Amino acid sequence: MKIHTIDLDFLGNSEAIAAFLVETSAGVVLVESGPYSTFQTLKNKIEALGFEIADIRHLFLSHIHFDHAGAAWALAANGAKVYVHPFGAGHLANPQKLTDSARKIYLDQMDILWGDMKNIDDSLIHATADEEVIKIGDAHFKSWHTPGHANHHIAWQLEDVVFAGDVAGVSIGGGPVVPPCPPPDIHIDKWKYSISLLKKINARALYLTHFGISPFSTEEHFSQLEGTLLEYADLIKTLMKEGKNISEMTTAFNAYVNMQFSKYQFDEKQEARYQAANPAFMSVTGLMRYWSKEAGDLLTQ
């Protein structure tokens, strides 16, 4: 079984967003669609591998955020079945609420960043149960419900590898593993649960949407991820208790992240890839929401 990592060249950045084309005995399968803004790139690169976009009859999504699922409707328009968490299924059938919420965040950058998102017919959406196994030819994709980054998150296991979406974090070009923490579903305890679950699988390789195969052992990868997640959360909690506004918190958060990245001697392109995959302001907003909505009582401790 062959897995191709497709670089979607998001905003002109290499190694920011990936999709994965899996060759099976029943044809090619896609894991992650990327945003619709990169759909033409996806199409071109699939054709360069010797396949057609219409060859894709099955699409596996880790979750419904635009950078992972924004182009799912275009693949479904060609007849692809879309496998998604039950919490995300309704949003794919009717994405209006999803797009309205996103436009409040991204404003006039919405179309540039993500492009369009249209309805998918219910008959083409499969709401996937936890630990359900989907058989496509000789490939068996096992669903692991893995909340923490999003309540509608699935990590897909294929034999001894895992397509981990965002719950296994971001690692680009051999750089550190960091947690993307956008609103509205960030939950630290749920994320720790999912990390524990994925560690037990002990995959030979973790395929990250941001980006590619993790360069670290499973143990090292998740150790970095959990440690940084807790550091990020504690930093925002401290800043909130100090009464900082969102602008001050974003500045402080950026300074902290840049200090961590300085250990790796990143160039500007490397920093741009991390920012494209994991914008700092989104993590600040997501963690603020976590502390104020999900665990507000802890702010008094």
C-alpha atoms as a PDB file:
ATOM      1  CA  MET A   1       0.000   0.000   0.000  1.00  0.00           C
ATOM      2  CA  LYS A   2       1.447   3.335  -1.071  1.00  0.00           C
ATOM      3  CA  ILE A   3       0.804   6.702   0.608  1.00  0.00           C
ATOM      4  CA  HIS A   4       1.532   9.955  -1.215  1.00  0.00           C
ATOM      5  CA  THR A   5       1.874  13.201   0.737  1.00  0.00           C
ATOM      6  CA  ILE A   6       0.450  16.045  -1.355  1.00  0.00           C
ATOM      7  CA  ASP A   7       1.685  19.534  -0.512  1.00  0.00           C
ATOM      8  CA  LEU A   8      -1.175  21.972  -1.158  1.00  0.00           C
ATOM      9  CA  ASP A   9       1.162  25.013  -1.250  1.00  0.00           C
ATOM     10  CA  PHE A  10      -1.193  26.995   0.970  1.00  0.00           C
ATOM     11  CA  LEU A  11      -0.741  30.758   0.463  1.00  0.00           C
ATOM     12  CA  GLY A  12       2.428  29.972  -1.460  1.00  0.00           C
ATOM     13  CA  ASN A  13       3.956  28.202   1.541  1.00  0.00           C
ATOM     14  CA  SER A  14       5.348  24.725   1.112  1.00  0.00           C
ATOM     15  CA  GLU A  15       4.814  22.260   3.955  1.00  0.00           C
ATOM     16  CA  ALA A  16       1.887  24.106   5.526  1.00  0.00           C
ATOM     17  CA  ILE A  17      -1.119  21.907   4.624  1.00  0.00           C
ATOM     18  CA  ALA A  18      -1.060  18.336   3.338  1.00  0.00           C
ATOM     19  CA  ALA A  19      -3.536  15.884   1.881  1.00  0.00           C
ATOM     20  CA  PHE A  20      -2.717  12.183   1.611  1.00  0.00           C
ATOM     21  CA  LEU A  21      -3.463   9.959  -1.368  1.00  0.00           C
ATOM     22  CA  VAL A  22      -3.585   6.260  -0.509  1.00  0.00           C
ATOM     23  CA  GLU A  23      -3.406   3.599  -3.200  1.00  0.00           C
ATOM     24  CA  THR A  24      -5.613   0.601  -2.389  1.00  0.00           C
ATOM     25  CA  SER A  25      -6.707  -2.484  -4.315  1.00  0.00           C
ATOM     26  CA  ALA A  26     -10.045  -0.714  -4.883  1.00  0.00           C
ATOM     27  CA  GLY A  27      -8.520   2.519  -6.189  1.00  0.00           C
ATOM     28  CA  VAL A  28      -7.156   5.672  -4.632  1.00  0.00           C
ATOM     29  CA  VAL A  29      -8.497   7.124  -1.380  1.00  0.00           C
ATOM     30  CA  LEU A  30      -7.909  10.652  -0.057  1.00  0.00           C
ATOM     31  CA  VAL A  31      -7.302  11.628   3.558  1.00  0.00           C
ATOM     32  CA  GLU A  32      -8.018  15.353   4.096  1.00  0.00           C
ATOM     33  CA  SER A  33      -9.202  17.608   1.283  1.00  0.00           C
ATOM     34  CA  GLY A  34      -7.530  20.848   2.292  1.00  0.00           C
ATOM     35  CA  PRO A  35      -9.402  24.145   1.752  1.00  0.00           C
ATOM     36  CA  TYR A  36     -11.215  24.864  -1.488  1.00  0.00           C
ATOM     37  CA  SER A  37      -8.704  27.668  -2.128  1.00  0.00           C
ATOM     38  CA  THR A  38      -6.114  24.950  -2.869  1.00  0.00           C
ATOM     39  CA  PHE A  39      -8.411  22.579  -4.776  1.00  0.00           C
ATOM     40  CA  GLN A  40      -6.805  23.271  -8.145  1.00  0.00           C
ATOM     41  CA  THR A  41      -3.401  22.486  -6.652  1.00  0.00           C
ATOM     42  CA  LEU A  42      -4.800  19.241  -5.238  1.00  0.00           C
ATOM     43  CA  LYS A  43      -6.243  18.336  -8.632  1.00  0.00           C
ATOM     44  CA  ASN A  44      -3.009  19.131 -10.469  1.00  0.00           C
ATOM     45  CA  LYS A  45      -0.854  17.124  -8.083  1.00  0.00           C
ATOM     46  CA  ILE A  46      -3.172  14.117  -8.152  1.00  0.00           C
ATOM     47  CA  GLU A  47      -2.970  14.192 -11.946  1.00  0.00           C
ATOM     48  CA  ALA A  48       0.838  14.420 -11.743  1.00  0.00           C
ATOM     49  CA  LEU A  49       0.743  11.133  -9.801  1.00  0.00           C
ATOM     50  CA  GLY A  50      -1.151   9.521 -12.673  1.00  0.00           C
ATOM     51  CA  PHE A  51      -4.689   9.707 -11.270  1.00  0.00           C
ATOM     52  CA  GLU A  52      -7.787  11.866 -11.807  1.00  0.00           C
ATOM     53  CA  ILE A  53      -9.757  13.771  -9.183  1.00  0.00           C
ATOM     54  CA  ALA A  54     -12.814  11.723 -10.247  1.00  0.00           C
ATOM     55  CA  ASP A  55     -10.936   8.544  -9.268  1.00  0.00           C
ATOM     56  CA  ILE A  56     -11.414   9.477  -5.619  1.00  0.00           C
ATOM     57  CA  ARG A  57     -14.520   7.694  -4.378  1.00  0.00           C
ATOM     58  CA  HIS A  58     -13.705   7.910  -0.652  1.00  0.00           C
ATOM     59  CA  LEU A  59     -12.568  10.897   1.414  1.00  0.00           C
ATOM     60  CA  PHE A  60     -11.564  10.575   5.065  1.00  0.00           C
ATOM     61  CA  LEU A  61     -11.623  13.785   7.130  1.00  0.00           C
ATOM     62  CA  SER A  62      -9.960  14.304  10.487  1.00  0.00           C
ATOM     63  CA  HIS A  63     -12.367  17.152  11.269  1.00  0.00           C
ATOM     64  CA  ILE A  64     -14.356  19.894   9.576  1.00  0.00           C
ATOM     65  CA  HIS A  65     -12.079  22.928   9.962  1.00  0.00           C
ATOM     66  CA  PHE A  66     -11.589  24.633   6.598  1.00  0.00           C
ATOM     67  CA  ASP A  67      -7.914  23.737   6.220  1.00  0.00           C
ATOM     68  CA  HIS A  68      -8.840  20.052   6.477  1.00  0.00           C
ATOM     69  CA  ALA A  69     -12.321  19.794   4.978  1.00  0.00           C
ATOM     70  CA  GLY A  70     -13.034  22.959   2.986  1.00  0.00           C
ATOM     71  CA  ALA A  71     -12.836  21.230  -0.404  1.00  0.00           C
ATOM     72  CA  ALA A  72     -14.772  18.126   0.655  1.00  0.00           C
ATOM     73  CA  TRP A  73     -17.884  19.352  -1.180  1.00  0.00           C
ATOM     74  CA  ALA A  74     -15.985  19.529  -4.490  1.00  0.00           C
ATOM     75  CA  LEU A  75     -14.908  15.902  -4.148  1.00  0.00           C
ATOM     76  CA  ALA A  76     -18.437  14.891  -3.132  1.00  0.00           C
ATOM     77  CA  ALA A  77     -19.712  16.683  -6.245  1.00  0.00           C
ATOM     78  CA  ASN A  78     -17.786  14.023  -8.183  1.00  0.00           C
ATOM     79  CA  GLY A  79     -19.441  11.277  -6.137  1.00  0.00           C
ATOM     80  CA  ALA A  80     -16.905  10.747  -3.348  1.00  0.00           C
ATOM     81  CA  LYS A  81     -18.209   9.356  -0.058  1.00  0.00           C
ATOM     82  CA  VAL A  82     -17.106  11.544   2.871  1.00  0.00           C
ATOM     83  CA  TYR A  83     -16.266   9.943   6.223  1.00  0.00           C
ATOM     84  CA  VAL A  84     -16.476  12.333   9.162  1.00  0.00           C
ATOM     85  CA  HIS A  85     -17.210  12.487  12.889  1.00  0.00           C
ATOM     86  CA  PRO A  86     -20.972  12.464  13.683  1.00  0.00           C
ATOM     87  CA  PHE A  87     -20.646  15.951  15.256  1.00  0.00           C
ATOM     88  CA  GLY A  88     -19.351  17.296  11.935  1.00  0.00           C
ATOM     89  CA  ALA A  89     -21.734  15.550   9.560  1.00  0.00           C
ATOM     90  CA  GLY A  90     -24.531  18.126   9.808  1.00  0.00           C
ATOM     91  CA  HIS A  91     -22.129  20.993   9.147  1.00  0.00           C
ATOM     92  CA  LEU A  92     -21.016  19.372   5.900  1.00  0.00           C
ATOM     93  CA  ALA A  93     -24.621  18.917   4.818  1.00  0.00           C
ATOM     94  CA  ASN A  94     -25.350  22.558   5.652  1.00  0.00           C
ATOM     95  CA  PRO A  95     -22.173  24.610   6.187  1.00  0.00           C
ATOM     96  CA  GLN A  96     -23.899  27.989   6.547  1.00  0.00           C
ATOM     97  CA  LYS A  97     -23.366  28.259  10.318  1.00  0.00           C
ATOM     98  CA  LEU A  98     -19.755  27.160   9.903  1.00  0.00           C
ATOM     99  CA  THR A  99     -19.004  29.712   7.192  1.00  0.00           C
ATOM    100  CA  ASP A 100     -20.831  32.516   9.001  1.00  0.00           C
ATOM    101  CA  SER A 101     -18.759  31.914  12.136  1.00  0.00           C
ATOM    102  CA  ALA A 102     -15.535  31.811  10.131  1.00  0.00           C
ATOM    103  CA  ARG A 103     -16.313  35.077   8.341  1.00  0.00           C
ATOM    104  CA  LYS A 104     -16.568  36.824  11.710  1.00  0.00           C
ATOM    105  CA  ILE A 105     -12.965  35.772  12.357  1.00  0.00           C
ATOM    106  CA  TYR A 106     -11.376  36.121   8.923  1.00  0.00           C
ATOM    107  CA  LEU A 107     -13.493  39.005   7.532  1.00  0.00           C
ATOM    108  CA  ASP A 108     -12.367  39.993   4.026  1.00  0.00           C
ATOM    109  CA  GLN A 109      -9.623  37.337   4.061  1.00  0.00           C
ATOM    110  CA  MET A 110     -12.136  34.474   4.161  1.00  0.00           C
ATOM    111  CA  ASP A 111     -12.240  33.809   0.417  1.00  0.00           C
ATOM    112  CA  ILE A 112      -8.495  34.251  -0.039  1.00  0.00           C
ATOM    113  CA  LEU A 113      -7.672  31.845   2.766  1.00  0.00           C
ATOM    114  CA  TRP A 114     -10.329  29.183   2.397  1.00  0.00           C
ATOM    115  CA  GLY A 115     -12.485  29.698  -0.678  1.00  0.00           C
ATOM    116  CA  ASP A 116     -16.044  28.478  -1.025  1.00  0.00           C
ATOM    117  CA  MET A 117     -17.778  25.750   0.968  1.00  0.00           C
ATOM    118  CA  LYS A 118     -21.006  24.234  -0.352  1.00  0.00           C
ATOM    119  CA  ASN A 119     -23.543  21.674   0.808  1.00  0.00           C
ATOM    120  CA  ILE A 120     -22.836  17.948   0.543  1.00  0.00           C
ATOM    121  CA  ASP A 121     -25.751  15.607  -0.079  1.00  0.00           C
ATOM    122  CA  ASP A 122     -26.621  13.590   3.020  1.00  0.00           C
ATOM    123  CA  SER A 123     -26.355  10.349   1.060  1.00  0.00           C
ATOM    124  CA  LEU A 124     -22.624  10.994   0.545  1.00  0.00           C
ATOM    125  CA  ILE A 125     -21.842  11.698   4.218  1.00  0.00           C
ATOM    126  CA  HIS A 126     -20.951   8.810   6.520  1.00  0.00           C
ATOM    127  CA  ALA A 127     -21.094   9.716  10.222  1.00  0.00           C
ATOM    128  CA  THR A 128     -18.349   7.466  11.569  1.00  0.00           C
ATOM    129  CA  ALA A 129     -18.609   5.806  14.973  1.00  0.00           C
ATOM    130  CA  ASP A 130     -15.694   5.541  17.383  1.00  0.00           C
ATOM    131  CA  GLU A 131     -13.493   2.520  16.533  1.00  0.00           C
ATOM    132  CA  GLU A 132     -15.543   1.832  13.395  1.00  0.00           C
ATOM    133  CA  VAL A 133     -13.543   0.172  10.617  1.00  0.00           C
ATOM    134  CA  ILE A 134     -14.112   1.244   7.007  1.00  0.00           C
ATOM    135  CA  LYS A 135     -12.911  -1.305   4.451  1.00  0.00           C
ATOM    136  CA  ILE A 136     -11.820  -0.023   1.037  1.00  0.00           C
ATOM    137  CA  GLY A 137     -10.363  -2.928  -0.902  1.00  0.00           C
ATOM    138  CA  ASP A 138      -7.332  -4.176   1.015  1.00  0.00           C
ATOM    139  CA  ALA A 139      -7.237  -1.047   3.210  1.00  0.00           C
ATOM    140  CA  HIS A 140      -8.907  -0.970   6.620  1.00  0.00           C
ATOM    141  CA  PHE A 141      -9.311   2.537   8.080  1.00  0.00           C
ATOM    142  CA  LYS A 142     -10.087   2.547  11.802  1.00  0.00           C
ATOM    143  CA  SER A 143     -11.722   5.604  13.354  1.00  0.00           C
ATOM    144  CA  TRP A 144     -10.506   6.891  16.700  1.00  0.00           C
ATOM    145  CA  HIS A 145     -12.601   9.716  18.152  1.00  0.00           C
ATOM    146  CA  THR A 146      -9.971  12.063  19.521  1.00  0.00           C
ATOM    147  CA  PRO A 147     -11.337  15.306  21.005  1.00  0.00           C
ATOM    148  CA  GLY A 148      -9.253  18.123  22.457  1.00  0.00           C
ATOM    149  CA  HIS A 149      -8.433  20.162  19.379  1.00  0.00           C
ATOM    150  CA  ALA A 150     -12.037  19.772  18.218  1.00  0.00           C
ATOM    151  CA  ASN A 151     -14.967  17.760  19.510  1.00  0.00           C
ATOM    152  CA  HIS A 152     -15.508  16.453  15.970  1.00  0.00           C
ATOM    153  CA  HIS A 153     -11.988  15.089  15.518  1.00  0.00           C
ATOM    154  CA  ILE A 154     -11.047  11.644  14.225  1.00  0.00           C
ATOM    155  CA  ALA A 155      -7.575  10.128  13.952  1.00  0.00           C
ATOM    156  CA  TRP A 156      -7.583   7.489  11.213  1.00  0.00           C
ATOM    157  CA  GLN A 157      -5.479   4.373  11.706  1.00  0.00           C
ATOM    158  CA  LEU A 158      -4.374   2.443   8.614  1.00  0.00           C
ATOM    159  CA  GLU A 159      -2.472  -0.657   9.653  1.00  0.00           C
ATOM    160  CA  ASP A 160       0.535   0.676  11.604  1.00  0.00           C
ATOM    161  CA  VAL A 161       0.257   4.343  10.654  1.00  0.00           C
ATOM    162  CA  VAL A 162      -2.092   7.070  11.870  1.00  0.00           C
ATOM    163  CA  PHE A 163      -3.389  10.092   9.961  1.00  0.00           C
ATOM    164  CA  ALA A 164      -3.593  12.327  12.996  1.00  0.00           C
ATOM    165  CA  GLY A 165      -5.163  15.563  11.730  1.00  0.00           C
ATOM    166  CA  ASP A 166      -4.496  18.267  14.330  1.00  0.00           C
ATOM    167  CA  VAL A 167      -4.816  16.273  17.541  1.00  0.00           C
ATOM    168  CA  ALA A 168      -1.157  15.234  17.136  1.00  0.00           C
ATOM    169  CA  GLY A 169      -0.123  18.835  16.578  1.00  0.00           C
ATOM    170  CA  VAL A 170       2.035  20.630  14.029  1.00  0.00           C
ATOM    171  CA  SER A 171       5.639  19.803  13.136  1.00  0.00           C
ATOM    172  CA  ILE A 172       7.130  21.339  10.017  1.00  0.00           C
ATOM    173  CA  GLY A 173      10.514  20.672   8.456  1.00  0.00           C
ATOM    174  CA  GLY A 174      11.851  18.808  11.471  1.00  0.00           C
ATOM    175  CA  GLY A 175      10.756  21.582  13.815  1.00  0.00           C
ATOM    176  CA  PRO A 176       9.133  21.185  17.245  1.00  0.00           C
ATOM    177  CA  VAL A 177       5.695  19.707  17.829  1.00  0.00           C
ATOM    178  CA  VAL A 178       3.230  22.443  18.784  1.00  0.00           C
ATOM    179  CA  PRO A 179      -0.531  22.329  19.466  1.00  0.00           C
ATOM    180  CA  PRO A 180      -2.914  24.342  17.269  1.00  0.00           C
ATOM    181  CA  CYS A 181      -5.507  25.774  19.656  1.00  0.00           C
ATOM    182  CA  PRO A 182      -8.225  27.633  17.701  1.00  0.00           C
ATOM    183  CA  PRO A 183     -11.723  28.216  19.097  1.00  0.00           C
ATOM    184  CA  PRO A 184     -14.254  26.956  19.898  1.00  0.00           C
ATOM    185  CA  ASP A 185     -13.558  23.391  21.110  1.00  0.00           C
ATOM    186  CA  ILE A 186     -10.107  23.433  22.735  1.00  0.00           C
ATOM    187  CA  HIS A 187     -10.214  21.344  25.895  1.00  0.00           C
ATOM    188  CA  ILE A 188      -7.013  20.438  27.726  1.00  0.00           C
ATOM    189  CA  ASP A 189      -8.220  17.330  29.566  1.00  0.00           C
ATOM    190  CA  LYS A 190      -9.891  15.910  26.459  1.00  0.00           C
ATOM    191  CA  TRP A 191      -6.704  16.532  24.485  1.00  0.00           C
ATOM    192  CA  LYS A 192      -4.611  14.762  27.134  1.00  0.00           C
ATOM    193  CA  TYR A 193      -7.022  11.810  26.878  1.00  0.00           C
ATOM    194  CA  SER A 194      -6.570  11.694  23.109  1.00  0.00           C
ATOM    195  CA  ILE A 195      -2.783  11.858  23.426  1.00  0.00           C
ATOM    196  CA  SER A 196      -2.898   8.919  25.844  1.00  0.00           C
ATOM    197  CA  LEU A 197      -5.087   6.982  23.414  1.00  0.00           C
ATOM    198  CA  LEU A 198      -2.827   7.583  20.431  1.00  0.00           C
ATOM    199  CA  LYS A 199       0.301   6.722  22.403  1.00  0.00           C
ATOM    200  CA  LYS A 200      -1.178   3.277  23.103  1.00  0.00           C
ATOM    201  CA  ILE A 201      -1.570   2.648  19.364  1.00  0.00           C
ATOM    202  CA  ASN A 202       2.199   3.144  19.086  1.00  0.00           C
ATOM    203  CA  ALA A 203       2.058   3.869  15.371  1.00  0.00           C
ATOM    204  CA  ARG A 204       5.115   3.314  13.205  1.00  0.00           C
ATOM    205  CA  ALA A 205       4.444   6.714  11.621  1.00  0.00           C
ATOM    206  CA  LEU A 206       2.253   9.723  12.370  1.00  0.00           C
ATOM    207  CA  TYR A 207       1.015  11.551   9.278  1.00  0.00           C
ATOM    208  CA  LEU A 208       0.388  15.185  10.159  1.00  0.00           C
ATOM    209  CA  THR A 209      -1.763  17.479   8.054  1.00  0.00           C
ATOM    210  CA  HIS A 210       0.751  20.149   9.149  1.00  0.00           C
ATOM    211  CA  PHE A 211       3.027  18.588   7.866  1.00  0.00           C
ATOM    212  CA  GLY A 212       3.878  15.109   6.633  1.00  0.00           C
ATOM    213  CA  ILE A 213       5.438  12.263   8.589  1.00  0.00           C
ATOM    214  CA  SER A 214       6.583  13.244  12.071  1.00  0.00           C
ATOM    215  CA  PRO A 215      10.380  13.078  12.348  1.00  0.00           C
ATOM    216  CA  PHE A 216      10.130  11.975  15.990  1.00  0.00           C
ATOM    217  CA  SER A 217       9.411   8.690  17.698  1.00  0.00           C
ATOM    218  CA  THR A 218       5.820   8.352  18.898  1.00  0.00           C
ATOM    219  CA  GLU A 219       6.919   8.781  22.518  1.00  0.00           C
ATOM    220  CA  GLU A 220       9.001  11.893  21.807  1.00  0.00           C
ATOM    221  CA  HIS A 221       6.338  13.378  19.543  1.00  0.00           C
ATOM    222  CA  PHE A 222       3.573  13.182  22.130  1.00  0.00           C
ATOM    223  CA  SER A 223       5.871  14.208  24.962  1.00  0.00           C
ATOM    224  CA  GLN A 224       6.669  17.435  23.103  1.00  0.00           C
ATOM    225  CA  LEU A 225       3.015  17.983  22.195  1.00  0.00           C
ATOM    226  CA  GLU A 226       1.607  17.542  25.707  1.00  0.00           C
ATOM    227  CA  GLY A 227       4.363  19.585  27.317  1.00  0.00           C
ATOM    228  CA  THR A 228       3.872  22.513  24.958  1.00  0.00           C
ATOM    229  CA  LEU A 229       0.082  22.297  25.213  1.00  0.00           C
ATOM    230  CA  LEU A 230       0.278  22.686  28.976  1.00  0.00           C
ATOM    231  CA  GLU A 231       2.818  25.517  28.665  1.00  0.00           C
ATOM    232  CA  TYR A 232       0.585  27.398  26.209  1.00  0.00           C
ATOM    233  CA  ALA A 233      -2.471  26.898  28.406  1.00  0.00           C
ATOM    234  CA  ASP A 234      -0.671  28.025  31.572  1.00  0.00           C
ATOM    235  CA  LEU A 235       0.705  31.105  29.809  1.00  0.00           C
ATOM    236  CA  ILE A 236      -2.737  32.259  28.683  1.00  0.00           C
ATOM    237  CA  LYS A 237      -4.238  31.471  32.098  1.00  0.00           C
ATOM    238  CA  THR A 238      -1.556  33.620  33.770  1.00  0.00           C
ATOM    239  CA  LEU A 239      -2.055  36.501  31.329  1.00  0.00           C
ATOM    240  CA  MET A 240      -5.827  36.408  31.850  1.00  0.00           C
ATOM    241  CA  LYS A 241      -5.418  36.480  35.631  1.00  0.00           C
ATOM    242  CA  GLU A 242      -3.156  39.521  35.181  1.00  0.00           C
ATOM    243  CA  GLY A 243      -5.985  41.281  33.323  1.00  0.00           C
ATOM    244  CA  LYS A 244      -4.212  41.500  29.959  1.00  0.00           C
ATOM    245  CA  ASN A 245      -6.322  42.296  26.915  1.00  0.00           C
ATOM    246  CA  ILE A 246      -6.246  40.134  23.791  1.00  0.00           C
ATOM    247  CA  SER A 247      -3.730  42.361  22.035  1.00  0.00           C
ATOM    248  CA  GLU A 248      -1.336  42.197  24.974  1.00  0.00           C
ATOM    249  CA  MET A 249      -1.817  38.457  25.274  1.00  0.00           C
ATOM    250  CA  THR A 250      -1.130  37.906  21.570  1.00  0.00           C
ATOM    251  CA  THR A 251       2.064  39.957  21.813  1.00  0.00           C
ATOM    252  CA  ALA A 252       3.213  37.995  24.866  1.00  0.00           C
ATOM    253  CA  PHE A 253       2.255  34.674  23.284  1.00  0.00           C
ATOM    254  CA  ASN A 254       4.152  35.518  20.078  1.00  0.00           C
ATOM    255  CA  ALA A 255       7.206  36.468  22.117  1.00  0.00           C
ATOM    256  CA  TYR A 256       7.070  33.161  23.975  1.00  0.00           C
ATOM    257  CA  VAL A 257       6.672  31.128  20.764  1.00  0.00           C
ATOM    258  CA  ASN A 258       9.489  33.017  19.045  1.00  0.00           C
ATOM    259  CA  MET A 259      11.733  32.382  22.040  1.00  0.00           C
ATOM    260  CA  GLN A 260      11.020  28.659  21.745  1.00  0.00           C
ATOM    261  CA  PHE A 261      11.574  28.680  17.988  1.00  0.00           C
ATOM    262  CA  SER A 262      14.884  30.527  18.381  1.00  0.00           C
ATOM    263  CA  LYS A 263      16.377  27.269  19.668  1.00  0.00           C
ATOM    264  CA  TYR A 264      15.858  25.791  16.201  1.00  0.00           C
ATOM    265  CA  GLN A 265      17.433  28.633  14.189  1.00  0.00           C
ATOM    266  CA  PHE A 266      14.434  28.941  11.893  1.00  0.00           C
ATOM    267  CA  ASP A 267      14.655  31.091   8.802  1.00  0.00           C
ATOM    268  CA  GLU A 268      11.781  33.380   7.759  1.00  0.00           C
ATOM    269  CA  LYS A 269      10.253  30.738   5.490  1.00  0.00           C
ATOM    270  CA  GLN A 270      10.124  28.203   8.301  1.00  0.00           C
ATOM    271  CA  GLU A 271       8.442  30.699  10.620  1.00  0.00           C
ATOM    272  CA  ALA A 272       5.956  31.588   7.856  1.00  0.00           C
ATOM    273  CA  ARG A 273       5.044  27.899   7.446  1.00  0.00           C
ATOM    274  CA  TYR A 274       4.330  27.556  11.158  1.00  0.00           C
ATOM    275  CA  GLN A 275       2.291  30.772  11.179  1.00  0.00           C
ATOM    276  CA  ALA A 276       0.275  29.643   8.147  1.00  0.00           C
ATOM    277  CA  ALA A 277      -0.460  26.278   9.738  1.00  0.00           C
ATOM    278  CA  ASN A 278      -0.914  27.561  13.292  1.00  0.00           C
ATOM    279  CA  PRO A 279      -1.617  31.319  13.568  1.00  0.00           C
ATOM    280  CA  ALA A 280      -0.735  32.637  17.018  1.00  0.00           C
ATOM    281  CA  PHE A 281      -3.847  34.793  17.405  1.00  0.00           C
ATOM    282  CA  MET A 282      -6.041  31.727  16.901  1.00  0.00           C
ATOM    283  CA  SER A 283      -4.350  29.843  19.730  1.00  0.00           C
ATOM    284  CA  VAL A 284      -4.689  32.853  22.021  1.00  0.00           C
ATOM    285  CA  THR A 285      -8.389  33.146  21.208  1.00  0.00           C
ATOM    286  CA  GLY A 286      -8.986  29.419  21.586  1.00  0.00           C
ATOM    287  CA  LEU A 287      -7.231  29.134  24.936  1.00  0.00           C
ATOM    288  CA  MET A 288      -8.948  32.268  26.243  1.00  0.00           C
ATOM    289  CA  ARG A 289     -12.263  30.667  25.409  1.00  0.00           C
ATOM    290  CA  TYR A 290     -11.212  27.432  27.108  1.00  0.00           C
ATOM    291  CA  TRP A 291     -10.329  29.163  30.376  1.00  0.00           C
ATOM    292  CA  SER A 292     -13.321  31.498  30.384  1.00  0.00           C
ATOM    293  CA  LYS A 293     -16.024  29.114  29.106  1.00  0.00           C
ATOM    294  CA  GLU A 294     -14.868  25.612  29.921  1.00  0.00           C
ATOM    295  CA  ALA A 295     -12.900  26.118  33.120  1.00  0.00           C
ATOM    296  CA  GLY A 296     -13.547  29.653  34.316  1.00  0.00           C
ATOM    297  CA  ASP A 297     -13.441  28.633  37.953  1.00  0.00           C
ATOM    298  CA  LEU A 298      -9.785  27.722  37.585  1.00  0.00           C
ATOM    299  CA  LEU A 299      -8.923  31.366  36.958  1.00  0.00           C
ATOM    300  CA  THR A 300      -9.500  32.042  40.638  1.00  0.00           C
ATOM    301  CA  GLN A 301      -6.996  29.409  41.743  1.00  0.00           C
END
